[in-house]
Amino acid sequence: MATRTDAPTRREQILKEAARLFAERGFHGVGVDEIGAAVGISGPGLYRHFPGKDAMLAELLVGISEQLLTGAKRRLAEADGQVGAEAVLDSLIEGHIDFALDDRPLITLHDRELDRLRDSDRKMVRQLQRQYVELWVGVVREVYPALGEPAARSAVHSVFGLLNSTPHLGRPGVLPGRGATAELLHRMARGAFAAAGV
């Protein structure tokens, strides 16, 4: 899930393979034994790390929502008045593009399986997502002061829809290089905000 330079832990390996398999075949189409085989341990061995598939799904979906919000807050804190709102918006877009390109299975998983979470976990995901959206809305309104709050919120959701379309762009080997894809998505996101702010 997170971009790391050190080797992933066994728990992170399990989550990565679970996300991939759930995205490919659906939550109910994947057994614990298959997830275990993908990381080289027995299915029952997974229970040392997770109580079951439901716990994996919850950690994946709550975890990515926490990661996006934490990353966005960090980007704002790093800016801390040192750069203008346009640069902050660019930084937020870059962070979301990294997620959209690097964690494509999680986008598919969120779209298909969010309703399978326990109520408390689903509410947590929604709460984190609302905070993430509101953070973006504040920055967008700084860049485009004439944009009212409801319109800014709609623009943010629309840009998320655009950026989160990466699972539909084709297999990674079919896409242009990662850098070219990221640049295209960035231009399109800024274009969408500019159009909304006119």
N, C-alpha and C. Protein backbone atom coordinates (compact mmCIF):
# COMPACT_ATOMS: atom_id res chain seq x y z
N MET A 1 0.81 -1.18 0.00
CA MET A 1 0.00 0.00 0.00
C MET A 1 0.86 1.26 0.00
N ALA A 2 1.70 1.40 1.01
CA ALA A 2 2.55 2.58 1.06
C ALA A 2 3.80 2.37 0.22
N THR A 3 4.33 3.46 -0.30
CA THR A 3 5.58 3.37 -1.04
C THR A 3 6.69 3.30 -0.01
N ARG A 4 7.48 2.22 -0.07
CA ARG A 4 8.53 2.01 0.91
C ARG A 4 9.80 1.61 0.20
N THR A 5 10.94 1.94 0.85
CA THR A 5 12.21 1.52 0.28
C THR A 5 12.71 0.25 0.97
N ASP A 6 12.22 -0.01 2.21
CA ASP A 6 12.64 -1.23 2.89
C ASP A 6 11.71 -2.38 2.50
N ALA A 7 12.11 -3.59 2.84
CA ALA A 7 11.34 -4.77 2.46
C ALA A 7 10.01 -4.78 3.22
N PRO A 8 8.92 -5.17 2.53
CA PRO A 8 7.62 -5.21 3.21
C PRO A 8 7.59 -6.31 4.26
N THR A 9 6.84 -6.09 5.33
CA THR A 9 6.66 -7.12 6.34
C THR A 9 5.74 -8.20 5.78
N ARG A 10 5.70 -9.34 6.48
CA ARG A 10 4.81 -10.41 6.05
C ARG A 10 3.35 -9.94 6.04
N ARG A 11 2.99 -9.17 7.03
CA ARG A 11 1.62 -8.62 7.10
C ARG A 11 1.32 -7.75 5.88
N GLU A 12 2.27 -6.91 5.50
CA GLU A 12 2.09 -6.06 4.31
C GLU A 12 2.02 -6.91 3.04
N GLN A 13 2.81 -7.97 2.97
CA GLN A 13 2.75 -8.87 1.82
C GLN A 13 1.36 -9.51 1.71
N ILE A 14 0.84 -9.95 2.85
CA ILE A 14 -0.49 -10.57 2.87
C ILE A 14 -1.53 -9.57 2.37
N LEU A 15 -1.48 -8.35 2.89
CA LEU A 15 -2.47 -7.34 2.48
C LEU A 15 -2.36 -7.02 0.99
N LYS A 16 -1.13 -6.92 0.49
CA LYS A 16 -0.95 -6.62 -0.94
C LYS A 16 -1.55 -7.72 -1.80
N GLU A 17 -1.27 -8.96 -1.46
CA GLU A 17 -1.80 -10.08 -2.26
C GLU A 17 -3.31 -10.21 -2.08
N ALA A 18 -3.80 -9.98 -0.88
CA ALA A 18 -5.25 -10.02 -0.65
C ALA A 18 -5.94 -8.96 -1.51
N ALA A 19 -5.38 -7.75 -1.55
CA ALA A 19 -5.97 -6.68 -2.36
C ALA A 19 -6.00 -7.07 -3.83
N ARG A 20 -4.89 -7.61 -4.31
CA ARG A 20 -4.82 -8.02 -5.72
C ARG A 20 -5.85 -9.10 -6.03
N LEU A 21 -5.90 -10.12 -5.20
CA LEU A 21 -6.82 -11.24 -5.45
C LEU A 21 -8.28 -10.81 -5.30
N PHE A 22 -8.59 -10.03 -4.26
CA PHE A 22 -9.96 -9.55 -4.09
C PHE A 22 -10.39 -8.69 -5.28
N ALA A 23 -9.48 -7.84 -5.77
CA ALA A 23 -9.81 -6.98 -6.91
C ALA A 23 -10.02 -7.80 -8.17
N GLU A 24 -9.22 -8.86 -8.35
CA GLU A 24 -9.34 -9.68 -9.56
C GLU A 24 -10.58 -10.56 -9.54
N ARG A 25 -10.89 -11.16 -8.39
CA ARG A 25 -11.93 -12.19 -8.37
C ARG A 25 -13.07 -11.93 -7.40
N GLY A 26 -13.03 -10.81 -6.71
CA GLY A 26 -14.07 -10.51 -5.74
C GLY A 26 -13.77 -11.12 -4.39
N PHE A 27 -14.28 -10.50 -3.36
CA PHE A 27 -14.01 -10.93 -1.99
C PHE A 27 -14.41 -12.38 -1.76
N HIS A 28 -15.62 -12.75 -2.21
CA HIS A 28 -16.10 -14.11 -1.98
C HIS A 28 -15.48 -15.13 -2.94
N GLY A 29 -14.81 -14.66 -3.98
CA GLY A 29 -14.18 -15.57 -4.93
C GLY A 29 -12.77 -15.99 -4.55
N VAL A 30 -12.31 -15.54 -3.39
CA VAL A 30 -10.93 -15.82 -2.96
C VAL A 30 -10.97 -16.49 -1.59
N GLY A 31 -10.24 -17.58 -1.46
CA GLY A 31 -10.14 -18.27 -0.18
C GLY A 31 -8.88 -17.89 0.57
N VAL A 32 -8.90 -18.14 1.86
CA VAL A 32 -7.75 -17.86 2.71
C VAL A 32 -6.54 -18.66 2.22
N ASP A 33 -6.77 -19.90 1.78
CA ASP A 33 -5.65 -20.73 1.30
C ASP A 33 -4.96 -20.09 0.10
N GLU A 34 -5.75 -19.45 -0.79
CA GLU A 34 -5.15 -18.81 -1.97
C GLU A 34 -4.30 -17.61 -1.58
N ILE A 35 -4.77 -16.85 -0.62
CA ILE A 35 -3.99 -15.70 -0.15
C ILE A 35 -2.69 -16.20 0.48
N GLY A 36 -2.80 -17.25 1.29
CA GLY A 36 -1.61 -17.83 1.90
C GLY A 36 -0.62 -18.31 0.86
N ALA A 37 -1.12 -19.02 -0.16
CA ALA A 37 -0.24 -19.54 -1.21
C ALA A 37 0.48 -18.40 -1.94
N ALA A 38 -0.20 -17.28 -2.11
CA ALA A 38 0.40 -16.15 -2.83
C ALA A 38 1.59 -15.55 -2.08
N VAL A 39 1.63 -15.75 -0.76
CA VAL A 39 2.75 -15.22 0.02
C VAL A 39 3.62 -16.33 0.61
N GLY A 40 3.33 -17.58 0.22
CA GLY A 40 4.18 -18.68 0.62
C GLY A 40 3.97 -19.22 2.02
N ILE A 41 2.75 -19.05 2.55
CA ILE A 41 2.45 -19.67 3.85
C ILE A 41 1.12 -20.40 3.73
N SER A 42 0.85 -21.28 4.68
CA SER A 42 -0.41 -22.02 4.64
C SER A 42 -1.56 -21.09 4.98
N GLY A 43 -2.74 -21.44 4.47
CA GLY A 43 -3.93 -20.64 4.79
C GLY A 43 -4.09 -20.45 6.28
N PRO A 44 -4.04 -21.55 7.06
CA PRO A 44 -4.17 -21.38 8.52
C PRO A 44 -3.08 -20.49 9.11
N GLY A 45 -1.91 -20.44 8.47
CA GLY A 45 -0.84 -19.57 8.96
C GLY A 45 -1.21 -18.10 8.91
N LEU A 46 -2.16 -17.75 8.03
CA LEU A 46 -2.61 -16.36 7.95
C LEU A 46 -3.26 -15.90 9.24
N TYR A 47 -3.85 -16.85 9.97
CA TYR A 47 -4.57 -16.48 11.18
C TYR A 47 -3.64 -15.99 12.28
N ARG A 48 -2.34 -16.17 12.11
CA ARG A 48 -1.40 -15.55 13.05
C ARG A 48 -1.33 -14.03 12.82
N HIS A 49 -1.73 -13.61 11.61
CA HIS A 49 -1.66 -12.18 11.25
C HIS A 49 -3.02 -11.50 11.24
N PHE A 50 -4.05 -12.23 10.84
CA PHE A 50 -5.40 -11.67 10.72
C PHE A 50 -6.42 -12.71 11.19
N PRO A 51 -7.49 -12.27 11.84
CA PRO A 51 -8.51 -13.23 12.26
C PRO A 51 -9.29 -13.83 11.09
N GLY A 52 -9.26 -13.19 9.93
CA GLY A 52 -9.97 -13.72 8.77
C GLY A 52 -9.96 -12.72 7.62
N LYS A 53 -10.65 -13.09 6.55
CA LYS A 53 -10.69 -12.23 5.36
C LYS A 53 -11.35 -10.89 5.65
N ASP A 54 -12.39 -10.90 6.49
CA ASP A 54 -13.07 -9.64 6.82
C ASP A 54 -12.10 -8.63 7.43
N ALA A 55 -11.22 -9.11 8.28
CA ALA A 55 -10.24 -8.23 8.92
C ALA A 55 -9.25 -7.68 7.89
N MET A 56 -8.88 -8.52 6.90
CA MET A 56 -7.98 -8.04 5.85
C MET A 56 -8.65 -6.94 5.04
N LEU A 57 -9.90 -7.17 4.66
CA LEU A 57 -10.63 -6.18 3.88
C LEU A 57 -10.75 -4.87 4.64
N ALA A 58 -11.09 -4.96 5.93
CA ALA A 58 -11.22 -3.75 6.74
C ALA A 58 -9.90 -3.00 6.83
N GLU A 59 -8.81 -3.74 7.06
CA GLU A 59 -7.51 -3.07 7.18
C GLU A 59 -7.11 -2.42 5.86
N LEU A 60 -7.42 -3.06 4.76
CA LEU A 60 -7.09 -2.49 3.45
C LEU A 60 -7.85 -1.19 3.21
N LEU A 61 -9.15 -1.20 3.43
CA LEU A 61 -9.97 -0.04 3.08
C LEU A 61 -9.87 1.09 4.10
N VAL A 62 -9.84 0.75 5.39
CA VAL A 62 -9.61 1.79 6.39
C VAL A 62 -8.18 2.31 6.26
N GLY A 63 -7.25 1.39 6.03
CA GLY A 63 -5.85 1.77 5.95
C GLY A 63 -5.55 2.74 4.82
N ILE A 64 -6.11 2.50 3.65
CA ILE A 64 -5.80 3.41 2.54
C ILE A 64 -6.45 4.77 2.75
N SER A 65 -7.62 4.80 3.39
CA SER A 65 -8.25 6.08 3.69
C SER A 65 -7.41 6.87 4.69
N GLU A 66 -6.89 6.17 5.70
CA GLU A 66 -6.00 6.83 6.68
C GLU A 66 -4.73 7.32 6.00
N GLN A 67 -4.19 6.49 5.12
CA GLN A 67 -2.94 6.85 4.44
C GLN A 67 -3.12 8.10 3.57
N LEU A 68 -4.22 8.17 2.83
CA LEU A 68 -4.46 9.34 1.98
C LEU A 68 -4.62 10.60 2.82
N LEU A 69 -5.39 10.51 3.90
CA LEU A 69 -5.61 11.68 4.74
C LEU A 69 -4.31 12.11 5.42
N THR A 70 -3.56 11.17 5.96
CA THR A 70 -2.29 11.49 6.62
C THR A 70 -1.31 12.13 5.64
N GLY A 71 -1.25 11.57 4.43
CA GLY A 71 -0.35 12.12 3.42
C GLY A 71 -0.73 13.54 3.03
N ALA A 72 -2.03 13.79 2.89
CA ALA A 72 -2.49 15.13 2.52
C ALA A 72 -2.20 16.13 3.65
N LYS A 73 -2.43 15.72 4.89
CA LYS A 73 -2.13 16.60 6.02
C LYS A 73 -0.64 16.91 6.08
N ARG A 74 0.19 15.90 5.81
CA ARG A 74 1.64 16.10 5.82
C ARG A 74 2.04 17.11 4.74
N ARG A 75 1.44 16.98 3.57
CA ARG A 75 1.78 17.91 2.48
C ARG A 75 1.40 19.34 2.86
N LEU A 76 0.26 19.52 3.51
CA LEU A 76 -0.13 20.86 3.95
C LEU A 76 0.81 21.38 5.03
N ALA A 77 1.19 20.51 5.96
CA ALA A 77 2.09 20.94 7.03
C ALA A 77 3.45 21.32 6.48
N GLU A 78 3.92 20.57 5.49
CA GLU A 78 5.22 20.87 4.88
C GLU A 78 5.18 22.21 4.16
N ALA A 79 4.03 22.53 3.56
CA ALA A 79 3.89 23.82 2.87
C ALA A 79 3.89 24.95 3.89
N ASP A 80 3.05 24.84 4.91
CA ASP A 80 2.97 25.77 6.05
C ASP A 80 3.27 27.22 5.68
N GLY A 81 2.59 27.71 4.66
CA GLY A 81 2.76 29.10 4.26
C GLY A 81 4.01 29.39 3.47
N GLN A 82 4.85 28.38 3.25
CA GLN A 82 6.10 28.58 2.53
C GLN A 82 5.89 28.65 1.02
N VAL A 83 4.80 28.02 0.54
CA VAL A 83 4.49 28.05 -0.89
C VAL A 83 3.03 28.46 -1.04
N GLY A 84 2.67 28.88 -2.23
CA GLY A 84 1.31 29.32 -2.48
C GLY A 84 0.32 28.16 -2.59
N ALA A 85 -0.95 28.52 -2.61
CA ALA A 85 -2.01 27.52 -2.67
C ALA A 85 -1.94 26.68 -3.95
N GLU A 86 -1.49 27.28 -5.04
CA GLU A 86 -1.37 26.52 -6.30
C GLU A 86 -0.38 25.37 -6.14
N ALA A 87 0.75 25.64 -5.49
CA ALA A 87 1.75 24.59 -5.28
C ALA A 87 1.22 23.52 -4.34
N VAL A 88 0.43 23.94 -3.34
CA VAL A 88 -0.16 22.96 -2.42
C VAL A 88 -1.14 22.07 -3.18
N LEU A 89 -1.96 22.68 -4.04
CA LEU A 89 -2.90 21.89 -4.83
C LEU A 89 -2.15 20.91 -5.73
N ASP A 90 -1.09 21.38 -6.36
CA ASP A 90 -0.28 20.48 -7.19
C ASP A 90 0.26 19.31 -6.36
N SER A 91 0.69 19.59 -5.15
CA SER A 91 1.23 18.55 -4.29
C SER A 91 0.15 17.54 -3.91
N LEU A 92 -1.06 18.03 -3.59
CA LEU A 92 -2.17 17.12 -3.28
C LEU A 92 -2.50 16.24 -4.48
N ILE A 93 -2.52 16.83 -5.65
CA ILE A 93 -2.82 16.06 -6.87
C ILE A 93 -1.75 15.00 -7.07
N GLU A 94 -0.49 15.37 -6.91
CA GLU A 94 0.61 14.41 -7.08
C GLU A 94 0.47 13.24 -6.10
N GLY A 95 0.12 13.54 -4.85
CA GLY A 95 -0.05 12.49 -3.86
C GLY A 95 -1.17 11.53 -4.23
N HIS A 96 -2.27 12.08 -4.72
CA HIS A 96 -3.39 11.21 -5.09
C HIS A 96 -3.07 10.40 -6.34
N ILE A 97 -2.34 11.00 -7.25
CA ILE A 97 -1.92 10.27 -8.46
C ILE A 97 -1.01 9.10 -8.08
N ASP A 98 -0.10 9.32 -7.14
CA ASP A 98 0.76 8.21 -6.69
C ASP A 98 -0.10 7.05 -6.19
N PHE A 99 -1.11 7.36 -5.38
CA PHE A 99 -2.03 6.32 -4.91
C PHE A 99 -2.74 5.65 -6.08
N ALA A 100 -3.27 6.47 -7.00
CA ALA A 100 -4.07 5.94 -8.10
C ALA A 100 -3.26 5.05 -9.04
N LEU A 101 -1.98 5.33 -9.18
CA LEU A 101 -1.13 4.51 -10.05
C LEU A 101 -0.52 3.31 -9.32
N ASP A 102 -0.21 3.48 -8.04
CA ASP A 102 0.50 2.44 -7.31
C ASP A 102 -0.41 1.46 -6.58
N ASP A 103 -1.62 1.88 -6.29
CA ASP A 103 -2.54 1.05 -5.51
C ASP A 103 -3.86 0.81 -6.26
N ARG A 104 -3.75 0.54 -7.55
CA ARG A 104 -4.95 0.37 -8.37
C ARG A 104 -5.90 -0.70 -7.84
N PRO A 105 -5.40 -1.85 -7.33
CA PRO A 105 -6.35 -2.84 -6.81
C PRO A 105 -7.23 -2.31 -5.67
N LEU A 106 -6.68 -1.38 -4.88
CA LEU A 106 -7.47 -0.84 -3.78
C LEU A 106 -8.63 0.02 -4.27
N ILE A 107 -8.46 0.67 -5.41
CA ILE A 107 -9.57 1.44 -5.98
C ILE A 107 -10.69 0.49 -6.39
N THR A 108 -10.34 -0.58 -7.08
CA THR A 108 -11.33 -1.58 -7.48
C THR A 108 -11.98 -2.18 -6.25
N LEU A 109 -11.18 -2.50 -5.26
CA LEU A 109 -11.69 -3.10 -4.03
C LEU A 109 -12.68 -2.17 -3.33
N HIS A 110 -12.35 -0.90 -3.24
CA HIS A 110 -13.24 0.07 -2.62
C HIS A 110 -14.57 0.13 -3.36
N ASP A 111 -14.51 0.20 -4.68
CA ASP A 111 -15.73 0.31 -5.47
C ASP A 111 -16.63 -0.90 -5.31
N ARG A 112 -16.03 -2.09 -5.23
CA ARG A 112 -16.81 -3.33 -5.22
C ARG A 112 -17.18 -3.83 -3.83
N GLU A 113 -16.32 -3.59 -2.86
CA GLU A 113 -16.46 -4.32 -1.60
C GLU A 113 -16.70 -3.46 -0.36
N LEU A 114 -16.79 -2.14 -0.50
CA LEU A 114 -16.97 -1.29 0.68
C LEU A 114 -18.18 -1.71 1.49
N ASP A 115 -19.26 -2.09 0.83
CA ASP A 115 -20.49 -2.46 1.54
C ASP A 115 -20.34 -3.75 2.34
N ARG A 116 -19.27 -4.51 2.13
CA ARG A 116 -19.06 -5.76 2.88
C ARG A 116 -18.44 -5.50 4.26
N LEU A 117 -17.94 -4.29 4.47
CA LEU A 117 -17.35 -3.98 5.78
C LEU A 117 -18.42 -3.94 6.85
N ARG A 118 -18.00 -4.22 8.09
CA ARG A 118 -18.89 -4.01 9.23
C ARG A 118 -19.28 -2.53 9.25
N ASP A 119 -20.43 -2.23 9.84
CA ASP A 119 -20.91 -0.85 9.88
C ASP A 119 -19.87 0.09 10.47
N SER A 120 -19.22 -0.32 11.56
CA SER A 120 -18.26 0.57 12.21
C SER A 120 -17.06 0.87 11.31
N ASP A 121 -16.59 -0.15 10.58
CA ASP A 121 -15.46 0.07 9.68
C ASP A 121 -15.87 0.93 8.48
N ARG A 122 -17.06 0.68 7.94
CA ARG A 122 -17.54 1.48 6.82
C ARG A 122 -17.72 2.94 7.23
N LYS A 123 -18.23 3.17 8.44
CA LYS A 123 -18.38 4.54 8.93
C LYS A 123 -17.02 5.21 9.09
N MET A 124 -16.04 4.44 9.55
CA MET A 124 -14.69 4.99 9.69
C MET A 124 -14.12 5.40 8.34
N VAL A 125 -14.29 4.54 7.32
CA VAL A 125 -13.82 4.87 5.97
C VAL A 125 -14.49 6.16 5.50
N ARG A 126 -15.81 6.24 5.65
CA ARG A 126 -16.54 7.43 5.20
C ARG A 126 -16.09 8.69 5.94
N GLN A 127 -15.85 8.56 7.24
CA GLN A 127 -15.41 9.72 8.03
C GLN A 127 -14.04 10.20 7.55
N LEU A 128 -13.13 9.27 7.34
CA LEU A 128 -11.79 9.64 6.85
C LEU A 128 -11.88 10.26 5.46
N GLN A 129 -12.73 9.72 4.61
CA GLN A 129 -12.88 10.26 3.26
C GLN A 129 -13.46 11.67 3.30
N ARG A 130 -14.43 11.91 4.18
CA ARG A 130 -14.99 13.27 4.30
C ARG A 130 -13.91 14.27 4.71
N GLN A 131 -13.07 13.88 5.67
CA GLN A 131 -11.99 14.77 6.09
C GLN A 131 -11.03 15.05 4.94
N TYR A 132 -10.75 14.02 4.17
CA TYR A 132 -9.83 14.17 3.02
C TYR A 132 -10.44 15.13 2.00
N VAL A 133 -11.71 14.95 1.69
CA VAL A 133 -12.38 15.85 0.74
C VAL A 133 -12.35 17.28 1.25
N GLU A 134 -12.69 17.49 2.53
CA GLU A 134 -12.76 18.85 3.06
C GLU A 134 -11.40 19.54 3.03
N LEU A 135 -10.35 18.77 3.25
CA LEU A 135 -9.00 19.33 3.16
C LEU A 135 -8.76 19.86 1.75
N TRP A 136 -9.11 19.05 0.75
CA TRP A 136 -8.96 19.47 -0.65
C TRP A 136 -9.84 20.68 -0.96
N VAL A 137 -11.07 20.68 -0.46
CA VAL A 137 -12.00 21.79 -0.74
C VAL A 137 -11.39 23.10 -0.26
N GLY A 138 -10.78 23.10 0.92
CA GLY A 138 -10.16 24.32 1.43
C GLY A 138 -9.07 24.84 0.51
N VAL A 139 -8.24 23.94 0.01
CA VAL A 139 -7.14 24.35 -0.87
C VAL A 139 -7.68 24.83 -2.22
N VAL A 140 -8.64 24.09 -2.77
CA VAL A 140 -9.23 24.47 -4.06
C VAL A 140 -9.85 25.87 -3.97
N ARG A 141 -10.51 26.17 -2.86
CA ARG A 141 -11.14 27.48 -2.71
C ARG A 141 -10.11 28.59 -2.53
N GLU A 142 -8.93 28.26 -2.02
CA GLU A 142 -7.85 29.26 -1.97
C GLU A 142 -7.37 29.59 -3.37
N VAL A 143 -7.26 28.54 -4.21
CA VAL A 143 -6.77 28.75 -5.58
C VAL A 143 -7.84 29.43 -6.42
N TYR A 144 -9.10 29.07 -6.20
CA TYR A 144 -10.22 29.62 -6.99
C TYR A 144 -11.23 30.24 -6.01
N PRO A 145 -10.95 31.46 -5.51
CA PRO A 145 -11.78 32.07 -4.47
C PRO A 145 -13.23 32.30 -4.89
N ALA A 146 -13.49 32.43 -6.19
CA ALA A 146 -14.86 32.67 -6.63
C ALA A 146 -15.71 31.40 -6.58
N LEU A 147 -15.07 30.28 -6.37
CA LEU A 147 -15.78 28.99 -6.37
C LEU A 147 -16.44 28.78 -5.01
N GLY A 148 -17.77 28.65 -5.02
CA GLY A 148 -18.49 28.40 -3.77
C GLY A 148 -18.17 27.02 -3.21
N GLU A 149 -18.47 26.84 -1.93
CA GLU A 149 -18.14 25.58 -1.28
C GLU A 149 -18.80 24.36 -1.93
N PRO A 150 -20.11 24.41 -2.24
CA PRO A 150 -20.72 23.22 -2.87
C PRO A 150 -20.08 22.90 -4.23
N ALA A 151 -19.78 23.94 -5.01
CA ALA A 151 -19.17 23.72 -6.32
C ALA A 151 -17.75 23.18 -6.16
N ALA A 152 -17.01 23.68 -5.18
CA ALA A 152 -15.66 23.19 -4.94
C ALA A 152 -15.70 21.72 -4.54
N ARG A 153 -16.66 21.37 -3.68
CA ARG A 153 -16.78 19.97 -3.25
C ARG A 153 -17.11 19.08 -4.44
N SER A 154 -18.01 19.53 -5.30
CA SER A 154 -18.35 18.76 -6.50
C SER A 154 -17.14 18.61 -7.41
N ALA A 155 -16.35 19.68 -7.54
CA ALA A 155 -15.16 19.62 -8.37
C ALA A 155 -14.15 18.63 -7.81
N VAL A 156 -13.98 18.61 -6.49
CA VAL A 156 -13.04 17.67 -5.87
C VAL A 156 -13.49 16.24 -6.12
N HIS A 157 -14.78 15.97 -5.92
CA HIS A 157 -15.28 14.61 -6.17
C HIS A 157 -15.10 14.22 -7.63
N SER A 158 -15.30 15.16 -8.53
CA SER A 158 -15.13 14.88 -9.96
C SER A 158 -13.68 14.55 -10.29
N VAL A 159 -12.76 15.31 -9.70
CA VAL A 159 -11.34 15.06 -9.94
C VAL A 159 -10.94 13.71 -9.35
N PHE A 160 -11.48 13.37 -8.18
CA PHE A 160 -11.19 12.04 -7.63
C PHE A 160 -11.68 10.95 -8.58
N GLY A 161 -12.86 11.16 -9.17
CA GLY A 161 -13.37 10.19 -10.15
C GLY A 161 -12.42 10.04 -11.32
N LEU A 162 -11.89 11.15 -11.79
CA LEU A 162 -10.92 11.12 -12.89
C LEU A 162 -9.65 10.38 -12.48
N LEU A 163 -9.07 10.77 -11.36
CA LEU A 163 -7.82 10.16 -10.94
C LEU A 163 -7.99 8.68 -10.57
N ASN A 164 -9.14 8.35 -10.01
CA ASN A 164 -9.39 6.96 -9.59
C ASN A 164 -9.85 6.08 -10.75
N SER A 165 -9.78 6.59 -11.97
CA SER A 165 -10.15 5.79 -13.14
C SER A 165 -9.01 4.88 -13.59
N THR A 166 -7.86 4.93 -12.90
CA THR A 166 -6.69 4.18 -13.36
C THR A 166 -6.92 2.68 -13.54
N PRO A 167 -7.78 2.01 -12.74
CA PRO A 167 -7.98 0.59 -13.01
C PRO A 167 -8.58 0.31 -14.39
N HIS A 168 -9.16 1.33 -15.00
CA HIS A 168 -9.79 1.16 -16.31
C HIS A 168 -8.88 1.58 -17.47
N LEU A 169 -7.65 1.96 -17.16
CA LEU A 169 -6.74 2.44 -18.20
C LEU A 169 -6.04 1.32 -18.95
N GLY A 170 -6.21 0.10 -18.50
CA GLY A 170 -5.55 -1.03 -19.15
C GLY A 170 -4.44 -1.59 -18.28
N ARG A 171 -3.87 -2.66 -18.73
CA ARG A 171 -2.79 -3.30 -17.98
C ARG A 171 -1.58 -2.37 -17.90
N PRO A 172 -0.82 -2.46 -16.81
CA PRO A 172 0.34 -1.56 -16.65
C PRO A 172 1.27 -1.56 -17.85
N GLY A 173 1.51 -2.69 -18.51
CA GLY A 173 2.39 -2.73 -19.66
C GLY A 173 1.83 -2.06 -20.90
N VAL A 174 0.50 -1.84 -20.90
CA VAL A 174 -0.15 -1.21 -22.06
C VAL A 174 -0.16 0.31 -21.92
N LEU A 175 -0.10 0.80 -20.69
CA LEU A 175 -0.11 2.24 -20.46
C LEU A 175 1.18 2.87 -20.96
N PRO A 176 1.13 4.18 -21.28
CA PRO A 176 2.41 4.86 -21.49
C PRO A 176 3.19 4.80 -20.18
N GLY A 177 4.42 5.20 -20.17
CA GLY A 177 5.22 5.12 -18.96
C GLY A 177 4.53 5.79 -17.78
N ARG A 178 4.96 5.40 -16.58
CA ARG A 178 4.31 5.93 -15.39
C ARG A 178 4.39 7.45 -15.35
N GLY A 179 5.55 7.99 -15.68
CA GLY A 179 5.73 9.44 -15.65
C GLY A 179 4.79 10.15 -16.60
N ALA A 180 4.65 9.61 -17.82
CA ALA A 180 3.75 10.23 -18.81
C ALA A 180 2.30 10.14 -18.35
N THR A 181 1.93 9.01 -17.77
CA THR A 181 0.55 8.85 -17.28
C THR A 181 0.29 9.81 -16.13
N ALA A 182 1.24 9.92 -15.20
CA ALA A 182 1.08 10.84 -14.07
C ALA A 182 0.95 12.28 -14.55
N GLU A 183 1.76 12.64 -15.52
CA GLU A 183 1.72 14.01 -16.05
C GLU A 183 0.37 14.30 -16.72
N LEU A 184 -0.12 13.33 -17.49
CA LEU A 184 -1.42 13.50 -18.14
C LEU A 184 -2.53 13.65 -17.11
N LEU A 185 -2.54 12.79 -16.09
CA LEU A 185 -3.57 12.88 -15.06
C LEU A 185 -3.50 14.22 -14.33
N HIS A 186 -2.29 14.69 -14.09
CA HIS A 186 -2.12 15.97 -13.39
C HIS A 186 -2.69 17.11 -14.23
N ARG A 187 -2.35 17.14 -15.52
CA ARG A 187 -2.88 18.20 -16.40
C ARG A 187 -4.41 18.15 -16.45
N MET A 188 -4.95 16.96 -16.53
CA MET A 188 -6.41 16.82 -16.60
C MET A 188 -7.08 17.28 -15.30
N ALA A 189 -6.47 16.95 -14.17
CA ALA A 189 -7.02 17.37 -12.88
C ALA A 189 -7.00 18.89 -12.76
N ARG A 190 -5.86 19.51 -13.10
CA ARG A 190 -5.79 20.97 -13.03
C ARG A 190 -6.76 21.60 -14.02
N GLY A 191 -6.91 20.99 -15.20
CA GLY A 191 -7.86 21.51 -16.18
C GLY A 191 -9.28 21.47 -15.66
N ALA A 192 -9.63 20.37 -14.97
CA ALA A 192 -10.98 20.25 -14.42
C ALA A 192 -11.23 21.31 -13.35
N PHE A 193 -10.25 21.53 -12.47
CA PHE A 193 -10.42 22.56 -11.44
C PHE A 193 -10.51 23.95 -12.07
N ALA A 194 -9.69 24.19 -13.08
CA ALA A 194 -9.72 25.50 -13.75
C ALA A 194 -11.08 25.74 -14.40
N ALA A 195 -11.63 24.69 -15.03
CA ALA A 195 -12.94 24.83 -15.66
C ALA A 195 -14.01 25.12 -14.62
N ALA A 196 -13.93 24.46 -13.47
CA ALA A 196 -14.92 24.68 -12.41
C ALA A 196 -14.78 26.07 -11.82
N GLY A 197 -13.56 26.59 -11.79
CA GLY A 197 -13.32 27.88 -11.13
C GLY A 197 -13.56 29.09 -12.01
N VAL A 198 -13.94 28.88 -13.27
CA VAL A 198 -14.17 30.01 -14.19
C VAL A 198 -15.40 30.80 -13.75
